């Protein structure tokens, strides 16, 4: 099974301005707990996996990775994920590091 090191989070720029500001405010701590939520009823992609950072919906796992990553999530319910957040041109940019115990 494939392993995942650094996953770029997509769609952050489509989050509300309030969500973007909240994500950007997490920058001083650099690394923040991450939760993944499959969205089988997502009208754009039934394989979509939402990414939450510090309880804030930051975006999604890239569509091309969702099926494999969904299988990985199911096989590793105890995975540890942390987010690295930077700000570029005023917009938060999020990537996720994965490790398994």
Protein backbone atom coordinates (compact mmCIF):
# COMPACT_ATOMS: atom_id res chain seq x y z
CA UNK A 1 0.00 0.00 0.00
CA UNK A 2 1.20 3.48 -0.80
CA UNK A 3 2.43 5.73 1.98
CA UNK A 4 1.86 9.46 2.07
CA UNK A 5 4.47 11.96 3.20
CA UNK A 6 3.33 15.47 2.38
CA UNK A 7 -0.14 16.07 0.99
CA UNK A 8 -0.98 19.49 -0.45
CA UNK A 9 -4.40 20.71 0.65
CA UNK A 10 -6.38 22.12 -2.27
CA UNK A 11 -9.29 24.54 -2.32
CA UNK A 12 -8.13 26.70 0.57
CA UNK A 13 -8.66 29.78 -1.59
CA UNK A 14 -12.34 28.83 -1.94
CA UNK A 15 -12.92 28.81 1.82
CA UNK A 16 -14.68 31.83 3.29
CA UNK A 17 -12.59 34.86 4.16
CA UNK A 18 -13.25 34.15 7.86
CA UNK A 19 -11.96 30.56 7.47
CA UNK A 20 -8.90 31.74 5.53
CA UNK A 21 -8.08 34.29 8.21
CA UNK A 22 -8.51 31.68 10.94
CA UNK A 23 -6.22 29.26 9.09
CA UNK A 24 -3.61 31.97 8.56
CA UNK A 25 -3.81 32.84 12.28
CA UNK A 26 -2.61 29.29 13.06
CA UNK A 27 0.76 30.11 11.44
CA UNK A 28 2.62 31.05 14.64
CA UNK A 29 2.28 27.50 16.00
CA UNK A 30 3.48 26.06 12.64
CA UNK A 31 2.14 22.55 13.22
CA UNK A 32 -1.49 21.86 14.02
CA UNK A 33 -3.60 18.73 14.49
CA UNK A 34 -5.43 17.53 11.38
CA UNK A 35 -8.64 15.62 10.88
CA UNK A 36 -9.86 14.03 7.65
CA UNK A 37 -13.54 13.65 6.84
CA UNK A 38 -14.66 11.64 3.81
CA UNK A 39 -17.57 13.33 2.02
CA UNK A 40 -19.36 10.60 0.02
CA UNK A 41 -22.27 12.97 -0.55
CA UNK A 42 -20.09 15.76 -1.98
CA UNK A 43 -21.88 16.89 -5.16
CA UNK A 44 -18.60 17.40 -7.03
CA UNK A 45 -16.71 14.24 -6.02
CA UNK A 46 -18.10 11.28 -4.05
CA UNK A 47 -14.51 10.37 -3.09
CA UNK A 48 -13.78 13.84 -1.63
CA UNK A 49 -11.91 13.99 1.68
CA UNK A 50 -12.19 17.24 3.61
CA UNK A 51 -9.21 18.42 5.65
CA UNK A 52 -9.79 20.20 8.96
CA UNK A 53 -6.95 22.00 10.72
CA UNK A 54 -7.55 23.09 14.28
CA UNK A 55 -11.25 22.40 13.70
CA UNK A 56 -11.35 24.71 10.65
CA UNK A 57 -12.25 23.35 7.21
CA UNK A 58 -9.02 24.15 5.34
CA UNK A 59 -9.76 22.41 2.03
CA UNK A 60 -9.50 18.95 0.49
CA UNK A 61 -7.12 16.14 -0.34
CA UNK A 62 -6.40 16.50 -4.10
CA UNK A 63 -8.99 14.56 -6.13
CA UNK A 64 -6.34 12.43 -7.86
CA UNK A 65 -5.24 11.11 -4.44
CA UNK A 66 -8.63 10.57 -2.78
CA UNK A 67 -9.31 6.92 -3.62
CA UNK A 68 -5.87 5.69 -2.55
CA UNK A 69 -5.73 8.01 0.44
CA UNK A 70 -9.24 6.95 1.52
CA UNK A 71 -8.06 3.33 1.53
CA UNK A 72 -4.96 4.37 3.48
CA UNK A 73 -7.14 6.18 6.05
CA UNK A 74 -9.36 3.13 6.48
CA UNK A 75 -6.31 0.90 7.01
CA UNK A 76 -4.63 3.33 9.43
CA UNK A 77 -7.28 4.72 11.80
CA UNK A 78 -4.52 5.63 14.26
CA UNK A 79 -2.48 7.75 11.85
CA UNK A 80 -0.98 10.99 13.04
CA UNK A 81 -1.30 14.02 10.79
CA UNK A 82 0.05 17.51 11.27
CA UNK A 83 -0.42 20.56 9.08
CA UNK A 84 2.25 22.94 7.94
CA UNK A 85 0.79 26.34 7.18
CA UNK A 86 2.47 29.17 5.35
CA UNK A 87 1.10 32.38 3.91
CA UNK A 88 1.89 33.30 0.31
CA UNK A 89 0.62 36.51 -1.26
CA UNK A 90 -1.72 36.90 1.70
CA UNK A 91 -3.33 33.46 1.26
CA UNK A 92 -2.82 30.48 3.57
CA UNK A 93 -1.12 27.46 1.98
CA UNK A 94 -1.58 24.16 3.79
CA UNK A 95 0.18 20.81 3.46
CA UNK A 96 -0.21 17.74 5.64
CA UNK A 97 2.47 15.38 6.95
CA UNK A 98 1.36 11.84 7.74
CA UNK A 99 2.92 9.27 10.05
CA UNK A 100 1.69 5.97 11.38
CA UNK A 101 2.56 4.64 14.82
